[in-house]
Protein backbone atom coordinates (compact mmCIF):
# COMPACT_ATOMS: atom_id res chain seq x y z
CA MET A 1 8.31 7.40 59.24
CA PRO A 2 5.40 10.45 57.72
CA THR A 3 6.80 12.76 55.21
CA THR A 4 5.74 16.04 53.60
CA GLN A 5 6.36 15.05 50.39
CA ASN A 6 2.58 14.21 49.33
CA ALA A 7 1.23 16.74 51.83
CA MET A 8 -0.91 19.62 50.63
CA ASP A 9 0.13 23.12 50.37
CA TYR A 10 -2.35 26.53 51.49
CA ARG A 11 -2.86 26.82 48.54
CA HIS A 12 -3.45 23.52 47.44
CA ALA A 13 -6.98 23.73 50.25
CA PHE A 14 -7.89 26.72 49.09
CA TYR A 15 -7.74 26.48 45.63
CA LEU A 16 -10.53 22.55 46.50
CA ALA A 17 -11.93 24.31 48.50
CA THR A 18 -13.35 26.78 45.85
CA LEU A 19 -12.62 26.08 42.08
CA GLY A 20 -11.42 23.09 43.10
CA GLY A 21 -14.84 21.76 44.43
CA ALA A 22 -16.67 24.05 41.92
CA GLU A 23 -15.01 21.67 38.64
CA ALA A 24 -14.68 17.98 40.90
CA LEU A 25 -18.65 18.50 41.29
CA GLY A 26 -19.40 20.11 37.38
CA LEU A 27 -20.91 22.60 38.41
CA GLN A 28 -17.46 25.62 37.35
CA ASP A 29 -20.59 27.09 36.00
CA ARG A 30 -21.88 28.75 39.01
CA ILE A 31 -19.96 28.25 41.71
CA GLY A 32 -15.67 28.36 42.55
CA THR A 33 -15.64 31.72 41.59
CA LEU A 34 -16.05 35.37 43.25
CA ALA A 35 -16.74 36.49 38.57
CA VAL A 36 -19.39 39.06 38.21
CA GLY A 37 -23.42 36.54 38.47
CA MET A 38 -21.44 33.51 39.73
CA GLU A 39 -23.97 31.58 43.10
CA PHE A 40 -22.29 33.79 46.04
CA ASP A 41 -22.02 32.33 49.99
CA ALA A 42 -19.18 33.31 51.55
CA LEU A 43 -17.69 34.19 54.73
CA VAL A 44 -14.92 37.44 55.20
CA LEU A 45 -12.65 36.89 57.61
CA SER A 46 -10.63 39.92 59.53
CA ALA A 47 -6.87 38.69 61.16
CA ALA A 48 -6.64 42.08 63.54
CA LYS A 49 -4.05 42.14 65.09
CA GLU A 50 -6.26 39.69 68.75
CA ARG A 51 -3.64 39.06 71.98
CA ASN A 52 -4.75 35.70 72.37
CA GLY A 53 -6.47 34.43 68.84
CA PRO A 54 -6.27 32.02 66.51
CA VAL A 55 -4.47 34.21 64.14
CA GLN A 56 -0.41 36.60 65.49
CA ILE A 57 0.06 38.83 63.04
CA PHE A 58 3.21 40.77 63.09
CA ASP A 59 4.14 43.51 61.78
CA SER A 60 6.87 41.54 58.91
CA ASP A 61 4.21 39.65 57.73
CA SER A 62 3.59 39.44 53.77
CA LEU A 63 0.38 39.19 52.91
CA ALA A 64 0.62 35.55 50.90
CA ASP A 65 1.43 35.04 55.78
CA ILE A 66 -2.05 35.98 56.64
CA PHE A 67 -3.48 34.64 54.35
CA GLN A 68 -1.51 31.61 55.18
CA LYS A 69 -2.25 31.64 58.39
CA LEU A 70 -5.30 32.28 58.23
CA CYS A 71 -5.82 29.23 55.78
CA VAL A 72 -4.01 27.45 58.43
CA LEU A 73 -4.86 28.44 62.05
CA GLY A 74 -7.54 30.60 61.81
CA ASP A 75 -11.99 29.21 62.68
CA ASP A 76 -14.73 31.46 63.90
CA ARG A 77 -13.40 33.65 66.17
CA ASN A 78 -11.70 35.42 62.63
CA VAL A 79 -15.23 34.95 60.67
CA LYS A 80 -16.55 38.53 59.88
CA HIS A 81 -19.46 37.74 58.02
CA VAL A 82 -21.81 35.56 56.57
CA PHE A 83 -23.24 35.12 52.99
CA VAL A 84 -24.85 33.32 51.55
CA GLN A 85 -27.05 33.35 47.77
CA GLY A 86 -25.56 36.73 48.07
CA ARG A 87 -26.98 38.02 51.39
CA HIS A 88 -25.50 39.05 55.06
CA VAL A 89 -27.14 36.90 57.05
CA LYS A 90 -24.43 37.54 59.98
CA THR A 91 -22.52 39.51 62.08
CA PRO A 92 -20.84 37.46 64.06
């Protein structure tokens, strides 16, 4: 029977997608954080209340709850802006 003992939570997945991934590639001096002078590729996500959206937000949700929902359930409908090499390239 499968267990969740070794399951990865959303915080660890986010770390691996950012600084952890940069460290694994030996690029932590260039990418992986939002520090001044670092290369910048990013998505701006929205968790706005949308009736048919993938993420359902409730008034009782904490910021951590909303972040977890975006990490686990978010999709292209949550993307509001795309930045590549520091330049805004798209607003879906």
